[in-house]
Amino acid sequence: MSEENPESLLKNDAGKNKDKVFCTFCPSKVLNQGSATFVNIQFSLPYMQRKGDGQADERESISDYWLVEDMYTFENIGVSNTVENVKYLACADCERGPIGWHDLKTKKSYIALSRVKHA
């Protein structure tokens, strides 16, 4: 399984994910092959792991995401409470995250390529 590949290796000619998408911390499958579309959109996610002396609201700016049009497309996903009109997405099995976010206005979900594995 590869973690940080260029998006061109991860998507097919239609821009869909070539491989299944998995949690990086456990063997849980998040998305099936061909179920999400690559998009380049700027969004800042809270860091997955914080150091003890860091600020609680530190964020990482990420631009490469898998767009999931329908929440029921996911194989396995956990959803946070609403924070500033979005819900953060995490692995439902190990609860690590956020691996992405769900926009309450558009009802679309986004999974950061850098926070999941592809196989």
N, C-alpha and C. Protein backbone atom coordinates (compact mmCIF):
# COMPACT_ATOMS: atom_id res chain seq x y z
N MET A 1 0.84 -1.18 0.00
CA MET A 1 0.00 0.00 0.00
C MET A 1 0.88 1.23 0.00
N SER A 2 0.50 2.22 -0.74
CA SER A 2 1.28 3.44 -0.81
C SER A 2 0.53 4.56 -0.11
N GLU A 3 1.29 5.47 0.51
CA GLU A 3 0.64 6.53 1.29
C GLU A 3 0.65 7.87 0.57
N GLU A 4 1.81 8.32 0.08
CA GLU A 4 1.87 9.65 -0.49
C GLU A 4 2.30 9.59 -1.96
N ASN A 5 1.41 9.18 -2.82
CA ASN A 5 1.67 9.12 -4.25
C ASN A 5 1.10 10.34 -4.91
N PRO A 6 1.68 10.74 -6.05
CA PRO A 6 1.04 11.82 -6.81
C PRO A 6 -0.37 11.40 -7.21
N GLU A 7 -1.27 12.36 -7.24
CA GLU A 7 -2.67 12.03 -7.53
C GLU A 7 -2.85 11.37 -8.88
N SER A 8 -1.95 11.63 -9.84
CA SER A 8 -2.09 11.02 -11.16
C SER A 8 -1.98 9.50 -11.11
N LEU A 9 -1.26 8.97 -10.13
CA LEU A 9 -1.15 7.52 -9.98
C LEU A 9 -2.35 6.92 -9.25
N LEU A 10 -3.11 7.77 -8.58
CA LEU A 10 -4.22 7.29 -7.76
C LEU A 10 -5.57 7.38 -8.44
N LYS A 11 -5.65 8.14 -9.55
CA LYS A 11 -6.95 8.31 -10.22
C LYS A 11 -6.91 7.71 -11.61
N ASN A 12 -8.08 7.32 -12.12
CA ASN A 12 -8.19 6.79 -13.47
C ASN A 12 -8.45 7.93 -14.46
N ASP A 13 -8.70 7.60 -15.72
CA ASP A 13 -8.92 8.63 -16.75
C ASP A 13 -10.15 9.48 -16.47
N ALA A 14 -11.11 8.94 -15.75
CA ALA A 14 -12.33 9.69 -15.41
C ALA A 14 -12.17 10.51 -14.14
N GLY A 15 -10.97 10.45 -13.52
CA GLY A 15 -10.73 11.20 -12.29
C GLY A 15 -11.19 10.50 -11.03
N LYS A 16 -11.60 9.23 -11.16
CA LYS A 16 -12.07 8.45 -10.01
C LYS A 16 -10.90 7.71 -9.36
N ASN A 17 -11.09 7.34 -8.09
CA ASN A 17 -10.04 6.60 -7.40
C ASN A 17 -9.84 5.21 -8.02
N LYS A 18 -8.58 4.91 -8.41
CA LYS A 18 -8.24 3.63 -9.03
C LYS A 18 -8.31 2.49 -8.03
N ASP A 19 -7.96 2.79 -6.80
CA ASP A 19 -7.84 1.76 -5.77
C ASP A 19 -8.84 1.98 -4.65
N LYS A 20 -8.96 0.98 -3.80
CA LYS A 20 -9.76 1.12 -2.59
C LYS A 20 -9.01 2.07 -1.66
N VAL A 21 -9.76 2.74 -0.79
CA VAL A 21 -9.19 3.70 0.15
C VAL A 21 -9.36 3.14 1.56
N PHE A 22 -8.25 3.12 2.32
CA PHE A 22 -8.23 2.54 3.66
C PHE A 22 -7.75 3.54 4.70
N CYS A 23 -8.11 3.29 5.95
CA CYS A 23 -7.59 4.04 7.09
C CYS A 23 -6.08 3.77 7.16
N THR A 24 -5.30 4.77 7.57
CA THR A 24 -3.85 4.57 7.69
C THR A 24 -3.47 3.90 9.00
N PHE A 25 -4.38 3.82 9.95
CA PHE A 25 -4.07 3.29 11.27
C PHE A 25 -4.61 1.89 11.53
N CYS A 26 -5.60 1.46 10.76
CA CYS A 26 -6.18 0.13 10.94
C CYS A 26 -6.57 -0.40 9.55
N PRO A 27 -6.98 -1.65 9.43
CA PRO A 27 -7.29 -2.21 8.10
C PRO A 27 -8.68 -1.85 7.57
N SER A 28 -9.35 -0.90 8.17
CA SER A 28 -10.71 -0.56 7.79
C SER A 28 -10.78 0.11 6.41
N LYS A 29 -11.71 -0.38 5.56
CA LYS A 29 -11.91 0.19 4.23
C LYS A 29 -12.86 1.37 4.33
N VAL A 30 -12.47 2.51 3.75
CA VAL A 30 -13.28 3.73 3.78
C VAL A 30 -14.10 3.86 2.51
N LEU A 31 -13.48 3.61 1.35
CA LEU A 31 -14.15 3.75 0.05
C LEU A 31 -13.79 2.60 -0.88
N ASN A 32 -14.73 2.19 -1.70
CA ASN A 32 -14.47 1.22 -2.75
C ASN A 32 -13.82 1.90 -3.95
N GLN A 33 -13.20 1.11 -4.80
CA GLN A 33 -12.60 1.57 -6.04
C GLN A 33 -13.64 2.27 -6.90
N GLY A 34 -13.29 3.43 -7.48
CA GLY A 34 -14.17 4.14 -8.41
C GLY A 34 -15.34 4.86 -7.78
N SER A 35 -15.33 5.05 -6.48
CA SER A 35 -16.49 5.66 -5.81
C SER A 35 -16.32 7.14 -5.48
N ALA A 36 -15.14 7.70 -5.73
CA ALA A 36 -14.90 9.12 -5.42
C ALA A 36 -14.15 9.78 -6.57
N THR A 37 -14.27 11.09 -6.67
CA THR A 37 -13.65 11.87 -7.74
C THR A 37 -12.58 12.78 -7.16
N PHE A 38 -11.42 12.83 -7.81
CA PHE A 38 -10.35 13.71 -7.35
C PHE A 38 -10.73 15.18 -7.57
N VAL A 39 -10.53 16.00 -6.54
CA VAL A 39 -10.73 17.45 -6.65
C VAL A 39 -9.59 18.16 -5.95
N ASN A 40 -9.28 19.33 -6.45
CA ASN A 40 -8.27 20.19 -5.84
C ASN A 40 -9.01 21.36 -5.22
N ILE A 41 -9.16 21.34 -3.91
CA ILE A 41 -9.90 22.37 -3.19
C ILE A 41 -9.14 22.65 -1.90
N GLN A 42 -8.95 23.90 -1.58
CA GLN A 42 -8.19 24.26 -0.38
C GLN A 42 -9.09 24.21 0.84
N PHE A 43 -8.67 23.45 1.87
CA PHE A 43 -9.40 23.38 3.13
C PHE A 43 -8.41 23.01 4.22
N SER A 44 -8.57 23.60 5.38
CA SER A 44 -7.67 23.33 6.50
C SER A 44 -8.33 22.39 7.50
N LEU A 45 -7.69 21.25 7.70
CA LEU A 45 -8.17 20.26 8.66
C LEU A 45 -7.34 20.34 9.94
N PRO A 46 -7.96 20.10 11.09
CA PRO A 46 -7.17 20.00 12.33
C PRO A 46 -6.15 18.87 12.20
N TYR A 47 -4.99 19.06 12.82
CA TYR A 47 -3.98 18.01 12.79
C TYR A 47 -4.52 16.74 13.44
N MET A 48 -4.10 15.58 12.91
CA MET A 48 -4.54 14.31 13.47
C MET A 48 -3.87 14.04 14.82
N GLN A 49 -2.61 14.44 14.94
CA GLN A 49 -1.88 14.23 16.18
C GLN A 49 -1.29 15.56 16.61
N ARG A 50 -1.51 15.89 17.87
CA ARG A 50 -0.98 17.14 18.40
C ARG A 50 0.07 16.86 19.45
N LYS A 51 1.03 17.75 19.53
CA LYS A 51 2.01 17.67 20.60
C LYS A 51 1.37 18.31 21.83
N GLY A 52 1.79 17.90 23.00
CA GLY A 52 1.19 18.37 24.24
C GLY A 52 1.22 19.87 24.43
N ASP A 53 2.24 20.55 23.92
CA ASP A 53 2.35 21.99 24.13
C ASP A 53 1.79 22.81 22.97
N GLY A 54 1.20 22.17 21.98
CA GLY A 54 0.67 22.87 20.81
C GLY A 54 -0.68 23.52 21.07
N GLN A 55 -1.06 24.40 20.18
CA GLN A 55 -2.37 25.04 20.27
C GLN A 55 -3.45 24.04 19.87
N ALA A 56 -4.58 24.09 20.54
CA ALA A 56 -5.66 23.15 20.27
C ALA A 56 -6.28 23.35 18.90
N ASP A 57 -6.17 24.55 18.33
CA ASP A 57 -6.83 24.84 17.06
C ASP A 57 -5.87 24.86 15.87
N GLU A 58 -4.70 24.23 15.99
CA GLU A 58 -3.76 24.20 14.87
C GLU A 58 -4.32 23.37 13.73
N ARG A 59 -4.09 23.84 12.48
CA ARG A 59 -4.66 23.18 11.31
C ARG A 59 -3.61 22.98 10.23
N GLU A 60 -3.89 22.02 9.36
CA GLU A 60 -3.04 21.72 8.21
C GLU A 60 -3.81 22.06 6.95
N SER A 61 -3.21 22.88 6.09
CA SER A 61 -3.85 23.25 4.83
C SER A 61 -3.62 22.13 3.81
N ILE A 62 -4.71 21.56 3.31
CA ILE A 62 -4.65 20.43 2.37
C ILE A 62 -5.45 20.80 1.13
N SER A 63 -4.98 20.38 -0.06
CA SER A 63 -5.69 20.75 -1.29
C SER A 63 -6.11 19.56 -2.15
N ASP A 64 -5.60 18.35 -1.90
CA ASP A 64 -5.96 17.18 -2.71
C ASP A 64 -6.94 16.29 -1.94
N TYR A 65 -8.15 16.15 -2.49
CA TYR A 65 -9.21 15.41 -1.81
C TYR A 65 -9.93 14.46 -2.77
N TRP A 66 -10.52 13.42 -2.20
CA TRP A 66 -11.51 12.60 -2.90
C TRP A 66 -12.86 13.19 -2.57
N LEU A 67 -13.62 13.56 -3.59
CA LEU A 67 -14.98 14.08 -3.42
C LEU A 67 -15.96 12.91 -3.43
N VAL A 68 -16.78 12.85 -2.40
CA VAL A 68 -17.81 11.82 -2.29
C VAL A 68 -19.15 12.54 -2.30
N GLU A 69 -19.92 12.31 -3.35
CA GLU A 69 -21.18 13.04 -3.56
C GLU A 69 -22.28 12.64 -2.57
N ASP A 70 -22.29 11.37 -2.16
CA ASP A 70 -23.36 10.85 -1.31
C ASP A 70 -22.75 10.19 -0.08
N MET A 71 -23.20 10.56 1.09
CA MET A 71 -22.67 10.04 2.34
C MET A 71 -22.78 8.51 2.43
N TYR A 72 -23.77 7.94 1.75
CA TYR A 72 -23.98 6.49 1.79
C TYR A 72 -22.99 5.72 0.91
N THR A 73 -22.13 6.43 0.19
CA THR A 73 -21.09 5.80 -0.63
C THR A 73 -20.00 5.20 0.24
N PHE A 74 -19.78 5.76 1.41
CA PHE A 74 -18.72 5.29 2.29
C PHE A 74 -18.97 3.86 2.75
N GLU A 75 -17.88 3.11 2.86
CA GLU A 75 -17.93 1.76 3.43
C GLU A 75 -17.89 1.85 4.95
N ASN A 76 -17.13 2.81 5.45
CA ASN A 76 -16.89 2.91 6.88
C ASN A 76 -16.43 4.33 7.19
N ILE A 77 -17.24 5.10 7.90
CA ILE A 77 -16.85 6.48 8.22
C ILE A 77 -17.54 6.90 9.51
N GLY A 78 -16.80 7.64 10.31
CA GLY A 78 -17.36 8.23 11.52
C GLY A 78 -17.53 9.72 11.29
N VAL A 79 -18.52 10.31 11.94
CA VAL A 79 -18.85 11.72 11.72
C VAL A 79 -18.89 12.45 13.06
N SER A 80 -18.25 13.62 13.12
CA SER A 80 -18.22 14.41 14.35
C SER A 80 -19.48 15.25 14.50
N ASN A 81 -19.58 15.92 15.63
CA ASN A 81 -20.61 16.93 15.81
C ASN A 81 -20.29 18.10 14.89
N THR A 82 -21.25 18.97 14.64
CA THR A 82 -21.06 20.11 13.75
C THR A 82 -20.08 21.11 14.37
N VAL A 83 -19.10 21.54 13.55
CA VAL A 83 -18.13 22.56 13.94
C VAL A 83 -18.05 23.55 12.79
N GLU A 84 -18.54 24.77 12.99
CA GLU A 84 -18.48 25.83 11.97
C GLU A 84 -19.06 25.36 10.63
N ASN A 85 -20.24 24.79 10.66
CA ASN A 85 -20.99 24.36 9.47
C ASN A 85 -20.37 23.19 8.70
N VAL A 86 -19.44 22.47 9.33
CA VAL A 86 -18.91 21.23 8.74
C VAL A 86 -18.90 20.15 9.81
N LYS A 87 -18.84 18.92 9.35
CA LYS A 87 -18.66 17.77 10.24
C LYS A 87 -17.36 17.10 9.81
N TYR A 88 -16.49 16.82 10.75
CA TYR A 88 -15.24 16.16 10.43
C TYR A 88 -15.47 14.66 10.31
N LEU A 89 -14.70 14.03 9.41
CA LEU A 89 -14.83 12.60 9.14
C LEU A 89 -13.63 11.86 9.70
N ALA A 90 -13.89 10.69 10.27
CA ALA A 90 -12.84 9.86 10.86
C ALA A 90 -13.15 8.39 10.57
N CYS A 91 -12.18 7.53 10.82
CA CYS A 91 -12.41 6.10 10.69
C CYS A 91 -13.41 5.67 11.75
N ALA A 92 -14.42 4.94 11.36
CA ALA A 92 -15.44 4.50 12.32
C ALA A 92 -14.93 3.38 13.22
N ASP A 93 -13.91 2.65 12.79
CA ASP A 93 -13.39 1.54 13.60
C ASP A 93 -12.41 2.00 14.67
N CYS A 94 -11.37 2.73 14.28
CA CYS A 94 -10.36 3.15 15.26
C CYS A 94 -10.56 4.60 15.72
N GLU A 95 -11.47 5.31 15.09
CA GLU A 95 -11.84 6.68 15.45
C GLU A 95 -10.70 7.69 15.29
N ARG A 96 -9.72 7.36 14.45
CA ARG A 96 -8.62 8.30 14.19
C ARG A 96 -9.04 9.26 13.10
N GLY A 97 -8.64 10.48 13.23
CA GLY A 97 -8.98 11.49 12.24
C GLY A 97 -8.70 12.87 12.77
N PRO A 98 -9.15 13.89 12.07
CA PRO A 98 -10.02 13.78 10.90
C PRO A 98 -9.27 13.40 9.63
N ILE A 99 -9.93 12.58 8.81
CA ILE A 99 -9.38 12.23 7.50
C ILE A 99 -10.06 13.05 6.41
N GLY A 100 -11.05 13.82 6.78
CA GLY A 100 -11.77 14.65 5.82
C GLY A 100 -12.88 15.43 6.49
N TRP A 101 -13.79 15.94 5.66
CA TRP A 101 -14.87 16.78 6.18
C TRP A 101 -16.11 16.66 5.32
N HIS A 102 -17.25 16.96 5.91
CA HIS A 102 -18.55 16.92 5.24
C HIS A 102 -19.14 18.33 5.30
N ASP A 103 -19.45 18.89 4.13
CA ASP A 103 -20.03 20.24 4.04
C ASP A 103 -21.54 20.14 4.20
N LEU A 104 -22.07 20.76 5.24
CA LEU A 104 -23.51 20.68 5.51
C LEU A 104 -24.36 21.42 4.48
N LYS A 105 -23.79 22.44 3.83
CA LYS A 105 -24.55 23.19 2.81
C LYS A 105 -24.72 22.38 1.53
N THR A 106 -23.63 21.80 1.04
CA THR A 106 -23.67 21.07 -0.23
C THR A 106 -23.96 19.58 -0.06
N LYS A 107 -23.82 19.07 1.16
CA LYS A 107 -24.00 17.64 1.47
C LYS A 107 -22.92 16.78 0.81
N LYS A 108 -21.79 17.38 0.45
CA LYS A 108 -20.68 16.65 -0.16
C LYS A 108 -19.61 16.40 0.90
N SER A 109 -18.90 15.29 0.72
CA SER A 109 -17.83 14.92 1.65
C SER A 109 -16.50 14.91 0.92
N TYR A 110 -15.45 15.17 1.65
CA TYR A 110 -14.10 15.25 1.09
C TYR A 110 -13.14 14.46 1.98
N ILE A 111 -12.37 13.57 1.36
CA ILE A 111 -11.38 12.77 2.08
C ILE A 111 -10.00 13.19 1.59
N ALA A 112 -9.13 13.60 2.50
CA ALA A 112 -7.78 14.05 2.15
C ALA A 112 -6.93 12.87 1.69
N LEU A 113 -6.36 12.97 0.50
CA LEU A 113 -5.51 11.90 -0.03
C LEU A 113 -4.34 11.62 0.91
N SER A 114 -3.81 12.65 1.55
CA SER A 114 -2.64 12.50 2.41
C SER A 114 -2.95 11.82 3.74
N ARG A 115 -4.22 11.62 4.04
CA ARG A 115 -4.59 11.04 5.34
C ARG A 115 -5.20 9.64 5.24
N VAL A 116 -5.09 9.03 4.06
CA VAL A 116 -5.58 7.67 3.85
C VAL A 116 -4.56 6.86 3.05
N LYS A 117 -4.73 5.53 3.02
CA LYS A 117 -3.91 4.64 2.21
C LYS A 117 -4.72 4.18 1.01
N HIS A 118 -4.01 3.81 -0.06
CA HIS A 118 -4.66 3.33 -1.28
C HIS A 118 -4.10 1.96 -1.63
N ALA A 119 -4.97 1.00 -1.92
CA ALA A 119 -4.50 -0.34 -2.29
C ALA A 119 -5.51 -1.03 -3.19
